[in-house]
Amino acid sequence: MCYNCYDAGMKSRTITQRELRNQSGAILREVEAGRTVIVSRNGTPVGELRPVRRHRFVPRAAIADAAARAVRIDSRRFRTDLDAVVNPHANG
C-alpha cells in the first residue's frame, strides 16, 4: 500500500516519529490547513493525523423550512417497510 497516496481525497505525506517530535507546531499547522500526515516508526506507518471535520451551525428556521417542505409519509407503512428490511422473515 502506498502510504504517500493513502487518501486520494486529501493531500497526505509520511513523516517519521522524530519529525513529529521536532516539528510538531509546523506539522499541526499543515493538518489544520487540510493535509493528512502519516506518522511512521522504523519505516512502518503507526498513526495518522488528519483534520477534524468542523460542525456547521444550521439555523432553526432552515430546519423548520426543510421539514415543512418534506414529503409526508404514512408512519404505519413506513414501519412495515422498515420491519420487512430488518427482518424479512417476520411476516411470512
C-alpha atoms as a PDB file:
ATOM      1  CA  MET A   1       0.000   0.000   0.000  1.00  0.00           C
ATOM      2  CA  CYS A   2       1.302   3.461  -0.882  1.00  0.00           C
ATOM      3  CA  TYR A   3       1.075   5.481   2.305  1.00  0.00           C
ATOM      4  CA  ASN A   4       2.002   8.697   0.497  1.00  0.00           C
ATOM      5  CA  CYS A   5      -1.219   8.191  -1.507  1.00  0.00           C
ATOM      6  CA  TYR A   6      -3.192   6.951   1.499  1.00  0.00           C
ATOM      7  CA  ASP A   7      -6.279   9.066   0.927  1.00  0.00           C
ATOM      8  CA  ALA A   8      -6.830  10.188  -2.643  1.00  0.00           C
ATOM      9  CA  GLY A   9      -9.308  12.837  -1.480  1.00  0.00           C
ATOM     10  CA  MET A  10      -6.767  14.661   0.694  1.00  0.00           C
ATOM     11  CA  LYS A  11      -3.163  15.628   0.296  1.00  0.00           C
ATOM     12  CA  SER A  12      -1.034  13.454   2.539  1.00  0.00           C
ATOM     13  CA  ARG A  13       2.578  12.803   3.363  1.00  0.00           C
ATOM     14  CA  THR A  14       4.534  10.446   5.569  1.00  0.00           C
ATOM     15  CA  ILE A  15       6.818  11.695   8.340  1.00  0.00           C
ATOM     16  CA  THR A  16       8.946   9.986  10.950  1.00  0.00           C
ATOM     17  CA  GLN A  17       8.316   9.941  14.674  1.00  0.00           C
ATOM     18  CA  ARG A  18      11.359  12.200  15.086  1.00  0.00           C
ATOM     19  CA  GLU A  19       9.984  14.762  12.590  1.00  0.00           C
ATOM     20  CA  LEU A  20       6.721  14.860  14.537  1.00  0.00           C
ATOM     21  CA  ARG A  21       8.596  15.446  17.789  1.00  0.00           C
ATOM     22  CA  ASN A  22      10.915  18.108  16.386  1.00  0.00           C
ATOM     23  CA  GLN A  23       8.458  19.940  14.118  1.00  0.00           C
ATOM     24  CA  SER A  24       5.109  19.386  15.841  1.00  0.00           C
ATOM     25  CA  GLY A  25       3.962  23.005  15.524  1.00  0.00           C
ATOM     26  CA  ALA A  26       4.575  23.183  11.773  1.00  0.00           C
ATOM     27  CA  ILE A  27       3.044  19.757  11.227  1.00  0.00           C
ATOM     28  CA  LEU A  28      -0.099  20.664  13.165  1.00  0.00           C
ATOM     29  CA  ARG A  29      -0.440  23.819  11.059  1.00  0.00           C
ATOM     30  CA  GLU A  30      -0.331  21.602   7.941  1.00  0.00           C
ATOM     31  CA  VAL A  31      -3.029  19.354   9.396  1.00  0.00           C
ATOM     32  CA  GLU A  32      -5.133  22.368  10.303  1.00  0.00           C
ATOM     33  CA  ALA A  33      -4.792  23.553   6.687  1.00  0.00           C
ATOM     34  CA  GLY A  34      -6.237  20.256   5.433  1.00  0.00           C
ATOM     35  CA  ARG A  35      -3.288  17.918   4.966  1.00  0.00           C
ATOM     36  CA  THR A  36      -3.276  14.354   6.287  1.00  0.00           C
ATOM     37  CA  VAL A  37       0.028  13.209   7.801  1.00  0.00           C
ATOM     38  CA  ILE A  38       1.026   9.564   8.291  1.00  0.00           C
ATOM     39  CA  VAL A  39       3.488   9.040  11.149  1.00  0.00           C
ATOM     40  CA  SER A  40       5.948   6.160  10.851  1.00  0.00           C
ATOM     41  CA  ARG A  41       8.330   4.442  13.241  1.00  0.00           C
ATOM     42  CA  ASN A  42      11.240   2.490  11.754  1.00  0.00           C
ATOM     43  CA  GLY A  43       9.608   2.779   8.334  1.00  0.00           C
ATOM     44  CA  THR A  44       6.279   1.310   9.463  1.00  0.00           C
ATOM     45  CA  PRO A  45       3.196   3.570   9.499  1.00  0.00           C
ATOM     46  CA  VAL A  46       1.770   3.721  13.021  1.00  0.00           C
ATOM     47  CA  GLY A  47      -0.634   6.641  13.024  1.00  0.00           C
ATOM     48  CA  GLU A  48      -2.464   9.257  11.074  1.00  0.00           C
ATOM     49  CA  LEU A  49      -3.015  12.939  11.804  1.00  0.00           C
ATOM     50  CA  ARG A  50      -5.922  14.386   9.872  1.00  0.00           C
ATOM     51  CA  PRO A  51      -8.069  17.497  10.093  1.00  0.00           C
ATOM     52  CA  VAL A  52     -11.129  17.345  12.316  1.00  0.00           C
ATOM     53  CA  ARG A  53     -14.297  17.924  10.358  1.00  0.00           C
ATOM     54  CA  ARG A  54     -15.862  21.087  11.677  1.00  0.00           C
ATOM     55  CA  HIS A  55     -19.539  21.081  12.594  1.00  0.00           C
ATOM     56  CA  ARG A  56     -21.614  23.616  10.759  1.00  0.00           C
ATOM     57  CA  PHE A  57     -24.359  25.547  12.529  1.00  0.00           C
ATOM     58  CA  VAL A  58     -27.769  25.268  10.866  1.00  0.00           C
ATOM     59  CA  PRO A  59     -30.329  27.867  11.977  1.00  0.00           C
ATOM     60  CA  ARG A  60     -33.564  26.547  13.424  1.00  0.00           C
ATOM     61  CA  ALA A  61     -35.552  28.406  10.738  1.00  0.00           C
ATOM     62  CA  ALA A  62     -33.721  26.481   7.992  1.00  0.00           C
ATOM     63  CA  ILE A  63     -34.566  23.161   9.653  1.00  0.00           C
ATOM     64  CA  ALA A  64     -38.221  24.170  10.112  1.00  0.00           C
ATOM     65  CA  ASP A  65     -38.410  25.248   6.452  1.00  0.00           C
ATOM     66  CA  ALA A  66     -36.931  21.935   5.251  1.00  0.00           C
ATOM     67  CA  ALA A  67     -39.356  19.983   7.472  1.00  0.00           C
ATOM     68  CA  ALA A  68     -42.318  21.969   6.148  1.00  0.00           C
ATOM     69  CA  ARG A  69     -41.356  21.108   2.567  1.00  0.00           C
ATOM     70  CA  ALA A  70     -40.573  17.443   3.268  1.00  0.00           C
ATOM     71  CA  VAL A  71     -42.708  14.663   1.830  1.00  0.00           C
ATOM     72  CA  ARG A  72     -45.349  13.387   4.234  1.00  0.00           C
ATOM     73  CA  ILE A  73     -45.237   9.681   4.996  1.00  0.00           C
ATOM     74  CA  ASP A  74     -47.655   7.158   6.443  1.00  0.00           C
ATOM     75  CA  SER A  75     -45.962   6.114   9.695  1.00  0.00           C
ATOM     76  CA  ARG A  76     -47.558   2.634   9.784  1.00  0.00           C
ATOM     77  CA  ARG A  77     -46.495   1.815   6.242  1.00  0.00           C
ATOM     78  CA  PHE A  78     -43.024   3.201   6.920  1.00  0.00           C
ATOM     79  CA  ARG A  79     -42.685   0.950   9.980  1.00  0.00           C
ATOM     80  CA  THR A  80     -43.910  -2.063   7.989  1.00  0.00           C
ATOM     81  CA  ASP A  81     -41.373  -1.333   5.253  1.00  0.00           C
ATOM     82  CA  LEU A  82     -38.564  -0.996   7.799  1.00  0.00           C
ATOM     83  CA  ASP A  83     -39.532  -4.230   9.513  1.00  0.00           C
ATOM     84  CA  ALA A  84     -39.534  -6.010   6.141  1.00  0.00           C
ATOM     85  CA  VAL A  85     -35.958  -4.901   5.519  1.00  0.00           C
ATOM     86  CA  VAL A  86     -34.616  -5.515   9.023  1.00  0.00           C
ATOM     87  CA  ASN A  87     -36.312  -8.904   9.460  1.00  0.00           C
ATOM     88  CA  PRO A  88     -37.680 -10.080   6.107  1.00  0.00           C
ATOM     89  CA  HIS A  89     -38.867 -13.446   7.547  1.00  0.00           C
ATOM     90  CA  ALA A  90     -41.026 -11.960  10.329  1.00  0.00           C
ATOM     91  CA  ASN A  91     -44.222 -11.664   8.250  1.00  0.00           C
ATOM     92  CA  GLY A  92     -44.112 -14.914   6.340  1.00  0.00           C
END
